[in-house]
Amino acid sequence: MDIAGCSLAELIDDPLINLLMKSDGVNRREVQLLLERVARTASASGPICGTPVNHRNTKPAADPR
């Protein structure tokens, strides 16, 4: 399986990945819920991928002292 071409849903549904998650104590349902939440948040806030980020023009956080 070439994981580079797989979606997250395909990876979670893969039997080998599922077995690895179980052996590591990862709850598959919790991962699914997390991905659904991320997808809802991303769709509500607009596109994320390909959005340029300019770290040079950001202001540093105020010093709390």
C-alpha atoms as a PDB file:
ATOM      1  CA  MET A   1       0.000   0.000   0.000  1.00  0.00           C
ATOM      2  CA  ASP A   2       1.305   3.427  -0.953  1.00  0.00           C
ATOM      3  CA  ILE A   3       0.182   5.592   1.963  1.00  0.00           C
ATOM      4  CA  ALA A   4       1.175   8.812   0.204  1.00  0.00           C
ATOM      5  CA  GLY A   5      -1.837   8.459  -2.094  1.00  0.00           C
ATOM      6  CA  CYS A   6      -4.327   7.487   0.614  1.00  0.00           C
ATOM      7  CA  SER A   7      -6.877   9.686   2.296  1.00  0.00           C
ATOM      8  CA  LEU A   8      -7.101   9.751   6.087  1.00  0.00           C
ATOM      9  CA  ALA A   9     -10.352   7.767   5.896  1.00  0.00           C
ATOM     10  CA  GLU A  10      -8.628   5.079   3.810  1.00  0.00           C
ATOM     11  CA  LEU A  11      -5.758   4.887   6.277  1.00  0.00           C
ATOM     12  CA  ILE A  12      -8.089   4.482   9.241  1.00  0.00           C
ATOM     13  CA  ASP A  13     -10.014   1.766   7.388  1.00  0.00           C
ATOM     14  CA  ASP A  14      -6.860  -0.161   6.467  1.00  0.00           C
ATOM     15  CA  PRO A  15      -6.683  -3.431   8.454  1.00  0.00           C
ATOM     16  CA  LEU A  16      -2.942  -3.159   9.110  1.00  0.00           C
ATOM     17  CA  ILE A  17      -3.176   0.445  10.296  1.00  0.00           C
ATOM     18  CA  ASN A  18      -6.152  -0.538  12.447  1.00  0.00           C
ATOM     19  CA  LEU A  19      -4.124  -3.357  14.008  1.00  0.00           C
ATOM     20  CA  LEU A  20      -1.233  -0.972  14.729  1.00  0.00           C
ATOM     21  CA  MET A  21      -3.589   1.545  16.319  1.00  0.00           C
ATOM     22  CA  LYS A  22      -5.059  -1.189  18.533  1.00  0.00           C
ATOM     23  CA  SER A  23      -1.621  -2.413  19.588  1.00  0.00           C
ATOM     24  CA  ASP A  24      -0.644   1.169  20.481  1.00  0.00           C
ATOM     25  CA  GLY A  25      -3.840   1.675  22.478  1.00  0.00           C
ATOM     26  CA  VAL A  26      -5.324   4.168  20.016  1.00  0.00           C
ATOM     27  CA  ASN A  27      -9.116   4.261  19.971  1.00  0.00           C
ATOM     28  CA  ARG A  28     -10.219   4.260  16.324  1.00  0.00           C
ATOM     29  CA  ARG A  29     -13.516   6.011  17.094  1.00  0.00           C
ATOM     30  CA  GLU A  30     -11.717   8.845  18.887  1.00  0.00           C
ATOM     31  CA  VAL A  31      -9.448   9.315  15.861  1.00  0.00           C
ATOM     32  CA  GLN A  32     -12.489   9.425  13.571  1.00  0.00           C
ATOM     33  CA  LEU A  33     -14.202  12.003  15.795  1.00  0.00           C
ATOM     34  CA  LEU A  34     -11.029  14.102  15.903  1.00  0.00           C
ATOM     35  CA  LEU A  35     -10.728  14.074  12.104  1.00  0.00           C
ATOM     36  CA  GLU A  36     -14.410  15.013  11.720  1.00  0.00           C
ATOM     37  CA  ARG A  37     -13.914  17.919  14.121  1.00  0.00           C
ATOM     38  CA  VAL A  38     -10.823  19.122  12.257  1.00  0.00           C
ATOM     39  CA  ALA A  39     -12.675  18.870   8.939  1.00  0.00           C
ATOM     40  CA  ARG A  40     -15.621  20.910  10.284  1.00  0.00           C
ATOM     41  CA  THR A  41     -13.301  23.551  11.715  1.00  0.00           C
ATOM     42  CA  ALA A  42     -11.279  23.754   8.505  1.00  0.00           C
ATOM     43  CA  SER A  43     -14.362  24.049   6.303  1.00  0.00           C
ATOM     44  CA  ALA A  44     -15.802  26.757   8.550  1.00  0.00           C
ATOM     45  CA  SER A  45     -12.614  28.827   8.504  1.00  0.00           C
ATOM     46  CA  GLY A  46     -11.899  28.533   4.789  1.00  0.00           C
ATOM     47  CA  PRO A  47      -9.022  27.009   2.874  1.00  0.00           C
ATOM     48  CA  ILE A  48      -5.890  26.061   4.761  1.00  0.00           C
ATOM     49  CA  CYS A  49      -3.755  24.251   2.209  1.00  0.00           C
ATOM     50  CA  GLY A  50      -1.782  26.522  -0.058  1.00  0.00           C
ATOM     51  CA  THR A  51      -2.428  29.613   2.028  1.00  0.00           C
ATOM     52  CA  PRO A  52       0.841  31.528   2.271  1.00  0.00           C
ATOM     53  CA  VAL A  53       2.070  32.387   5.736  1.00  0.00           C
ATOM     54  CA  ASN A  54       4.365  35.335   6.262  1.00  0.00           C
ATOM     55  CA  HIS A  55       6.040  34.941   9.628  1.00  0.00           C
ATOM     56  CA  ARG A  56       8.262  38.003   9.140  1.00  0.00           C
ATOM     57  CA  ASN A  57       5.378  40.467   9.291  1.00  0.00           C
ATOM     58  CA  THR A  58       3.837  39.076  12.438  1.00  0.00           C
ATOM     59  CA  LYS A  59       4.147  41.079  15.621  1.00  0.00           C
ATOM     60  CA  PRO A  60       5.777  39.340  18.585  1.00  0.00           C
ATOM     61  CA  ALA A  61       3.577  38.653  21.577  1.00  0.00           C
ATOM     62  CA  ALA A  62       3.506  41.368  24.196  1.00  0.00           C
ATOM     63  CA  ASP A  63       5.869  40.834  27.113  1.00  0.00           C
ATOM     64  CA  PRO A  64       3.640  40.036  30.142  1.00  0.00           C
ATOM     65  CA  ARG A  65       6.144  41.586  32.587  1.00  0.00           C
END
